[in-house]
């Protein structure tokens, strides 16, 4: 019996479980683990009921579990999963839409890379638990894998690949090009390509039958116009197909982020449960990695030589924030000290990930108390109208 352990109960975990319920693999046992008992049992019920209707025989079980390292080790030892899928992090991708604040403004303006310490938190603990279990368990990370997976690799922790991002772009292009055979299409894409890049030269790249695909931006317009949470209906399906390919040896050609800890996303081929790069003719792995690192600078983070580097707009924004803290009034006791922000502005050694997370978490807590720019402007307008 193949065993899959899913960590998380949010939108992506739900979409993945519902897609798994439709797989015709009676020997598949899916365990869902999360901190909230209600959320875990609800998801297991929904997926299990879908599997019953579909008649697939896939089984779902609940495992309420803490997410500290020892609890994860115990869970993995008890469940003996063949595959672990990390679908939860300390950063909600829906925060900007649901509870906008000065914090979400900072991420939008400076770069998504600032969330790396939050995205990596559970992934690092899960990978550490997998390594400690001493089994052949493989780990797939869905949380910002374009940057988190290279971090795991730098920490010498096991990670096979990610899910989403490049896979979503590949699925979108497959659809836009008339549902072509995925074996004919190779897609090189990064998390940054979920949105239209600032420069046309930094757009995602695709090849059909070895020939570059023109008008990639136009082909991705429908995806980019769709709400991010609804896009998980596609990503959840790709996660289910990935699990089937890895666990049952099904052939599959797609693109995945962070294979073996590489930065960004690459075309891959899965045969006999083994993952391989499937780059187009003339493109070397070194060139593909260099391209992903270059386009990834738009998100303000790069990982190399044992260091997480904040770059470009993100580094500049943190330096500017530090200068603002030094010239404004007294800070509350729970506010981050200016020196802490200054120390973080250019990045941090990977061994100081926990300390960096603490600084960013304190910064986030403070900025969440301030309204988002558009909301603050609207409130000022409303106040003026009632004078």
Protein backbone atom coordinates (compact mmCIF):
# COMPACT_ATOMS: atom_id res chain seq x y z
CA UNK A 1 0.00 0.00 0.00
CA UNK A 2 1.38 3.40 -1.00
CA UNK A 3 1.29 6.01 1.77
CA UNK A 4 1.08 9.77 1.33
CA UNK A 5 1.29 12.24 4.22
CA UNK A 6 -0.09 15.75 3.59
CA UNK A 7 0.83 18.52 6.04
CA UNK A 8 -1.82 21.24 5.97
CA UNK A 9 -5.56 21.73 5.62
CA UNK A 10 -5.83 24.90 3.57
CA UNK A 11 -6.92 25.62 0.02
CA UNK A 12 -4.13 23.69 -1.71
CA UNK A 13 -4.33 20.69 0.64
CA UNK A 14 -8.09 20.58 0.04
CA UNK A 15 -7.75 20.77 -3.74
CA UNK A 16 -5.06 18.09 -3.67
CA UNK A 17 -7.08 15.69 -1.52
CA UNK A 18 -10.17 16.15 -3.69
CA UNK A 19 -8.09 15.40 -6.79
CA UNK A 20 -6.49 12.38 -5.12
CA UNK A 21 -9.97 11.04 -4.35
CA UNK A 22 -10.54 10.64 -8.09
CA UNK A 23 -7.41 8.53 -8.65
CA UNK A 24 -8.00 4.88 -9.43
CA UNK A 25 -5.44 3.56 -6.95
CA UNK A 26 -7.19 1.46 -4.32
CA UNK A 27 -3.86 0.92 -2.57
CA UNK A 28 -3.35 4.61 -1.78
CA UNK A 29 -3.64 5.71 1.86
CA UNK A 30 -3.61 9.46 2.42
CA UNK A 31 -3.06 10.85 5.91
CA UNK A 32 -3.85 14.52 6.48
CA UNK A 33 -2.11 16.21 9.41
CA UNK A 34 -2.82 19.64 10.84
CA UNK A 35 -3.00 21.54 14.10
CA UNK A 36 -6.78 22.07 14.16
CA UNK A 37 -8.83 18.92 14.73
CA UNK A 38 -11.96 20.37 13.10
CA UNK A 39 -10.14 21.34 9.91
CA UNK A 40 -8.41 17.96 9.63
CA UNK A 41 -11.54 15.87 10.18
CA UNK A 42 -13.58 18.03 7.82
CA UNK A 43 -11.04 17.65 5.01
CA UNK A 44 -10.75 13.89 5.54
CA UNK A 45 -14.54 13.60 5.41
CA UNK A 46 -14.83 15.62 2.19
CA UNK A 47 -12.08 13.72 0.40
CA UNK A 48 -13.26 10.36 1.69
CA UNK A 49 -16.82 11.02 0.56
CA UNK A 50 -15.60 12.03 -2.89
CA UNK A 51 -13.53 8.84 -3.12
CA UNK A 52 -16.61 6.82 -2.13
CA UNK A 53 -18.69 8.45 -4.86
CA UNK A 54 -15.92 7.93 -7.42
CA UNK A 55 -15.43 4.33 -6.30
CA UNK A 56 -11.67 4.67 -6.41
CA UNK A 57 -10.89 3.07 -3.07
CA UNK A 58 -8.45 5.79 -2.00
CA UNK A 59 -8.61 6.07 1.80
CA UNK A 60 -8.14 9.21 3.92
CA UNK A 61 -7.26 9.33 7.61
CA UNK A 62 -6.81 12.20 10.03
CA UNK A 63 -3.81 12.91 12.23
CA UNK A 64 -4.07 15.94 14.45
CA UNK A 65 -0.48 16.83 15.19
CA UNK A 66 1.67 19.62 16.50
CA UNK A 67 4.21 20.93 14.03
CA UNK A 68 7.28 21.01 16.25
CA UNK A 69 10.20 18.87 15.19
CA UNK A 70 9.75 15.99 17.63
CA UNK A 71 6.02 15.68 16.88
CA UNK A 72 6.74 15.53 13.17
CA UNK A 73 9.39 12.87 13.72
CA UNK A 74 6.93 10.77 15.69
CA UNK A 75 4.25 11.25 13.03
CA UNK A 76 6.55 10.14 10.22
CA UNK A 77 7.78 7.16 12.20
CA UNK A 78 4.19 6.14 12.92
CA UNK A 79 2.79 6.71 9.41
CA UNK A 80 5.82 5.46 7.44
CA UNK A 81 4.88 7.56 4.39
CA UNK A 82 6.43 6.99 1.00
CA UNK A 83 5.85 10.65 0.17
CA UNK A 84 5.38 13.78 2.31
CA UNK A 85 3.70 16.84 0.79
CA UNK A 86 4.14 20.14 2.68
CA UNK A 87 1.11 22.37 2.03
CA UNK A 88 1.25 24.77 4.99
CA UNK A 89 3.35 27.73 6.03
CA UNK A 90 3.33 30.73 8.36
CA UNK A 91 2.37 33.04 5.48
CA UNK A 92 -1.14 33.14 4.07
CA UNK A 93 -1.14 33.81 0.31
CA UNK A 94 -4.62 35.29 0.69
CA UNK A 95 -3.74 37.91 3.31
CA UNK A 96 -3.44 40.76 0.83
CA UNK A 97 -7.02 40.22 -0.36
CA UNK A 98 -8.63 39.37 2.99
CA UNK A 99 -6.80 41.53 5.53
CA UNK A 100 -4.66 44.08 3.67
CA UNK A 101 -2.26 46.16 5.77
CA UNK A 102 1.05 47.97 5.59
CA UNK A 103 2.63 44.50 5.82
CA UNK A 104 0.98 43.25 2.64
CA UNK A 105 1.88 46.58 1.00
CA UNK A 106 5.55 45.98 1.86
CA UNK A 107 5.52 42.51 0.29
CA UNK A 108 3.77 43.77 -2.86
CA UNK A 109 6.15 46.67 -3.28
CA UNK A 110 9.44 45.19 -2.12
CA UNK A 111 9.24 41.51 -3.07
CA UNK A 112 7.72 38.18 -2.08
CA UNK A 113 11.16 37.00 -0.97
CA UNK A 114 10.62 38.66 2.42
CA UNK A 115 8.22 35.83 3.29
CA UNK A 116 10.95 33.19 2.86
CA UNK A 117 11.52 32.66 6.62
CA UNK A 118 7.78 32.01 7.03
CA UNK A 119 7.53 29.79 3.97
CA UNK A 120 10.52 27.72 5.06
CA UNK A 121 9.57 27.15 8.70
CA UNK A 122 7.44 23.99 8.40
CA UNK A 123 9.30 22.75 5.32
CA UNK A 124 12.60 22.77 7.23
CA UNK A 125 11.09 20.91 10.18
CA UNK A 126 9.40 18.38 7.90
CA UNK A 127 12.60 17.77 5.93
CA UNK A 128 14.54 17.40 9.18
CA UNK A 129 12.00 14.83 10.39
CA UNK A 130 12.21 12.94 7.09
CA UNK A 131 16.00 12.84 7.34
CA UNK A 132 15.84 11.65 10.97
CA UNK A 133 13.40 8.86 10.08
CA UNK A 134 16.09 7.17 8.03
CA UNK A 135 13.59 5.84 5.50
CA UNK A 136 13.27 6.26 1.75
CA UNK A 137 10.52 8.83 2.23
CA UNK A 138 10.59 11.60 -0.36
CA UNK A 139 9.54 15.17 0.37
CA UNK A 140 7.66 17.55 -1.93
CA UNK A 141 7.28 21.16 -0.81
CA UNK A 142 4.47 23.41 -2.07
CA UNK A 143 5.46 26.54 -0.11
CA UNK A 144 7.49 28.95 -2.29
CA UNK A 145 9.59 26.01 -3.53
CA UNK A 146 11.48 28.23 -6.00
CA UNK A 147 13.40 29.65 -3.03
CA UNK A 148 12.61 27.34 -0.09
CA UNK A 149 13.90 24.23 -1.87
CA UNK A 150 17.32 25.79 -2.54
CA UNK A 151 17.37 26.73 1.15
CA UNK A 152 16.64 23.11 2.11
CA UNK A 153 19.41 21.99 -0.21
CA UNK A 154 21.84 24.46 1.33
CA UNK A 155 20.92 23.07 4.76
CA UNK A 156 21.67 19.55 3.42
CA UNK A 157 18.06 18.51 3.97
CA UNK A 158 16.20 16.14 1.61
CA UNK A 159 13.76 17.59 -0.92
CA UNK A 160 12.71 16.03 -4.21
CA UNK A 161 10.85 18.92 -5.80
CA UNK A 162 8.04 21.42 -5.36
CA UNK A 163 4.56 21.76 -6.76
CA UNK A 164 2.71 24.68 -8.32
CA UNK A 165 4.23 27.78 -9.96
CA UNK A 166 6.12 26.32 -12.95
CA UNK A 167 3.62 23.45 -13.08
CA UNK A 168 0.73 25.89 -13.17
CA UNK A 169 2.38 27.86 -15.97
CA UNK A 170 2.98 24.64 -17.91
CA UNK A 171 -0.65 23.54 -17.45
CA UNK A 172 -1.87 26.96 -18.56
CA UNK A 173 0.28 26.89 -21.68
CA UNK A 174 -0.77 23.32 -22.47
CA UNK A 175 -4.37 24.51 -22.35
CA UNK A 176 -3.74 27.73 -24.29
CA UNK A 177 -1.93 25.89 -27.07
CA UNK A 178 -4.85 23.53 -27.62
CA UNK A 179 -4.22 20.79 -25.06
CA UNK A 180 -1.03 19.65 -26.76
CA UNK A 181 0.67 16.45 -25.66
CA UNK A 182 2.73 17.49 -22.59
CA UNK A 183 5.69 15.53 -23.97
CA UNK A 184 5.90 18.09 -26.77
CA UNK A 185 6.07 21.09 -24.42
CA UNK A 186 8.93 22.25 -22.20
CA UNK A 187 8.40 25.22 -19.87
CA UNK A 188 10.97 27.16 -17.90
CA UNK A 189 9.22 29.34 -15.32
CA UNK A 190 9.60 30.81 -11.85
CA UNK A 191 7.16 31.81 -9.09
CA UNK A 192 7.51 35.37 -10.35
CA UNK A 193 5.71 34.33 -13.55
CA UNK A 194 2.41 33.90 -11.76
CA UNK A 195 2.20 37.61 -12.59
CA UNK A 196 3.32 39.41 -15.70
CA UNK A 197 6.99 40.36 -15.29
CA UNK A 198 8.05 43.99 -15.48
CA UNK A 199 10.25 43.30 -18.50
CA UNK A 200 9.20 41.27 -21.53
CA UNK A 201 12.73 39.86 -21.58
CA UNK A 202 12.03 38.19 -18.23
CA UNK A 203 8.89 36.36 -19.35
CA UNK A 204 8.55 32.61 -18.88
CA UNK A 205 10.06 30.53 -21.68
CA UNK A 206 8.43 27.64 -23.52
CA UNK A 207 9.31 25.31 -26.37
CA UNK A 208 6.94 23.23 -28.48
CA UNK A 209 8.62 20.40 -30.36
CA UNK A 210 11.93 22.10 -29.57
CA UNK A 211 10.89 25.44 -31.08
CA UNK A 212 10.41 28.55 -28.87
CA UNK A 213 6.75 29.40 -28.29
CA UNK A 214 5.94 33.03 -29.21
CA UNK A 215 3.47 35.25 -27.34
CA UNK A 216 3.87 33.51 -23.99
CA UNK A 217 2.47 36.59 -22.22
CA UNK A 218 -0.70 36.42 -24.30
CA UNK A 219 -1.07 32.69 -23.67
CA UNK A 220 -0.84 33.24 -19.90
CA UNK A 221 -3.37 36.08 -19.79
CA UNK A 222 -6.27 33.88 -18.67
CA UNK A 223 -4.25 32.36 -15.84
CA UNK A 224 -3.08 35.75 -14.60
CA UNK A 225 -6.63 37.12 -14.68
CA UNK A 226 -7.88 34.28 -12.45
CA UNK A 227 -7.95 34.55 -8.65
CA UNK A 228 -4.98 32.87 -7.02
CA UNK A 229 -7.06 30.74 -4.67
CA UNK A 230 -9.13 29.34 -7.53
CA UNK A 231 -5.92 28.45 -9.37
CA UNK A 232 -5.34 25.83 -6.67
CA UNK A 233 -7.99 23.76 -8.46
CA UNK A 234 -5.33 23.30 -11.15
CA UNK A 235 -2.35 23.02 -8.81
CA UNK A 236 -4.16 20.46 -6.64
CA UNK A 237 -4.73 18.32 -9.71
CA UNK A 238 -1.06 18.53 -10.69
CA UNK A 239 -0.09 17.58 -7.11
CA UNK A 240 -2.30 14.49 -7.36
CA UNK A 241 -0.77 13.53 -10.71
CA UNK A 242 2.71 14.03 -9.30
CA UNK A 243 1.90 11.74 -6.37
CA UNK A 244 0.56 9.07 -8.73
CA UNK A 245 3.62 9.30 -10.96
CA UNK A 246 6.05 9.05 -8.04
CA UNK A 247 4.17 6.37 -6.09
CA UNK A 248 2.96 4.16 -8.93
CA UNK A 249 5.47 4.75 -11.70
CA UNK A 250 3.06 6.47 -14.09
CA UNK A 251 4.73 8.40 -16.92
CA UNK A 252 4.30 12.15 -16.78
CA UNK A 253 5.88 15.19 -18.44
CA UNK A 254 5.39 18.58 -16.83
CA UNK A 255 7.34 21.41 -15.18
CA UNK A 256 8.09 21.57 -11.47
CA UNK A 257 9.68 24.14 -9.17
CA UNK A 258 12.75 23.41 -7.11
CA UNK A 259 13.71 19.90 -8.33
CA UNK A 260 16.51 18.65 -6.02
CA UNK A 261 16.73 22.13 -4.56
CA UNK A 262 17.39 24.02 -7.78
CA UNK A 263 16.12 27.63 -7.86
CA UNK A 264 13.03 28.34 -9.96
CA UNK A 265 11.17 25.86 -12.16
CA UNK A 266 12.15 23.44 -14.95
CA UNK A 267 10.62 20.99 -17.45
CA UNK A 268 10.83 17.47 -16.03
CA UNK A 269 10.03 13.91 -17.02
CA UNK A 270 8.92 11.21 -14.56
CA UNK A 271 9.53 7.62 -15.57
CA UNK A 272 9.34 4.61 -13.26
CA UNK A 273 8.94 6.89 -10.25
CA UNK A 274 12.19 8.70 -11.07
CA UNK A 275 12.41 12.43 -11.74
CA UNK A 276 14.63 13.79 -14.53
CA UNK A 277 15.17 17.19 -16.10
CA UNK A 278 13.80 17.39 -19.64
CA UNK A 279 15.37 20.57 -20.97
CA UNK A 280 14.86 21.57 -24.61
CA UNK A 281 17.71 20.99 -27.08
CA UNK A 282 20.55 23.45 -26.68
CA UNK A 283 19.69 24.55 -23.12
CA UNK A 284 22.11 23.33 -20.46
CA UNK A 285 21.23 22.90 -16.81
CA UNK A 286 23.73 25.59 -15.91
CA UNK A 287 22.08 28.07 -18.28
CA UNK A 288 18.60 27.17 -17.00
CA UNK A 289 19.69 27.68 -13.37
CA UNK A 290 21.34 31.01 -14.19
CA UNK A 291 18.18 32.21 -15.96
CA UNK A 292 15.99 31.24 -13.00
CA UNK A 293 18.26 33.05 -10.57
CA UNK A 294 18.25 36.13 -12.77
CA UNK A 295 14.46 36.39 -13.15
CA UNK A 296 14.04 35.47 -9.49
CA UNK A 297 15.78 38.68 -8.43
CA UNK A 298 12.42 40.40 -9.02
CA UNK A 299 11.26 38.69 -5.81
CA UNK A 300 14.21 40.07 -3.89
CA UNK A 301 15.84 36.87 -2.70
CA UNK A 302 18.72 34.67 -3.80
CA UNK A 303 20.44 31.77 -2.05
CA UNK A 304 24.11 31.03 -2.63
CA UNK A 305 27.23 30.14 -0.67
CA UNK A 306 25.33 29.42 2.51
CA UNK A 307 23.63 32.80 2.58
CA UNK A 308 20.11 34.08 1.95
CA UNK A 309 20.58 37.40 0.17
CA UNK A 310 17.89 40.04 -0.06
CA UNK A 311 18.44 42.00 -3.24
CA UNK A 312 17.14 44.89 -5.32
CA UNK A 313 13.87 46.51 -4.24
CA UNK A 314 13.56 44.31 -1.15
CA UNK A 315 16.97 45.19 0.24
CA UNK A 316 16.38 48.87 -0.53
CA UNK A 317 12.97 48.79 1.17
CA UNK A 318 14.38 47.23 4.36
CA UNK A 319 17.21 49.78 4.46
CA UNK A 320 14.65 52.57 4.00
CA UNK A 321 12.49 51.11 6.76
CA UNK A 322 15.49 51.06 9.07
CA UNK A 323 16.24 54.72 8.32
CA UNK A 324 12.62 55.59 9.03
CA UNK A 325 12.75 53.79 12.39
CA UNK A 326 15.85 55.75 13.37
CA UNK A 327 14.27 59.14 12.61
CA UNK A 328 10.74 58.67 14.00
CA UNK A 329 9.49 58.75 17.57
CA UNK A 330 10.09 56.17 20.29
CA UNK A 331 9.21 52.60 19.52
CA UNK A 332 7.02 50.36 21.60
CA UNK A 333 8.75 47.60 23.53
CA UNK A 334 7.49 44.95 21.12
CA UNK A 335 8.70 46.78 18.02
CA UNK A 336 11.77 45.44 16.22
CA UNK A 337 14.88 47.41 16.97
CA UNK A 338 16.31 49.40 14.08
CA UNK A 339 19.54 47.48 14.30
CA UNK A 340 17.70 44.20 13.80
CA UNK A 341 16.10 45.46 10.61
CA UNK A 342 19.42 46.85 9.42
CA UNK A 343 21.14 43.52 10.05
CA UNK A 344 18.47 41.75 8.00
CA UNK A 345 18.35 44.21 5.10
CA UNK A 346 20.97 42.44 3.01
CA UNK A 347 20.04 38.91 4.09
CA UNK A 348 21.38 36.40 6.60
CA UNK A 349 23.42 33.16 6.87
CA UNK A 350 21.22 30.11 6.44
CA UNK A 351 22.15 28.95 9.92
CA UNK A 352 20.40 32.03 11.33
CA UNK A 353 17.03 31.23 9.73
CA UNK A 354 15.17 31.09 13.05
CA UNK A 355 16.58 34.41 14.21
CA UNK A 356 15.68 36.01 10.88
CA UNK A 357 12.15 34.65 11.14
CA UNK A 358 11.79 36.24 14.57
CA UNK A 359 12.82 39.65 13.25
CA UNK A 360 10.48 39.43 10.26
CA UNK A 361 7.65 38.14 12.45
CA UNK A 362 8.00 41.12 14.79
CA UNK A 363 8.08 43.47 11.82
CA UNK A 364 4.97 41.80 10.39
CA UNK A 365 3.07 42.13 13.68
CA UNK A 366 3.76 45.85 13.82
CA UNK A 367 2.97 46.59 10.19
CA UNK A 368 -0.28 44.62 10.41
CA UNK A 369 -1.55 47.31 12.81
CA UNK A 370 -1.26 49.92 10.06
CA UNK A 371 -3.79 50.17 7.21
CA UNK A 372 -2.88 49.36 3.64
CA UNK A 373 -2.10 52.42 1.54
CA UNK A 374 -5.31 52.29 -0.48
CA UNK A 375 -7.39 51.81 2.68
CA UNK A 376 -5.62 54.65 4.50
CA UNK A 377 -6.24 56.94 1.53
CA UNK A 378 -9.90 55.97 1.45
CA UNK A 379 -10.24 56.65 5.19
CA UNK A 380 -8.67 60.08 4.76
CA UNK A 381 -11.07 60.85 1.92
CA UNK A 382 -14.06 59.74 4.00
CA UNK A 383 -12.91 61.85 6.95
CA UNK A 384 -12.56 64.90 4.73
CA UNK A 385 -16.02 64.41 3.31
CA UNK A 386 -17.55 64.66 6.79
CA UNK A 387 -15.71 67.78 7.93
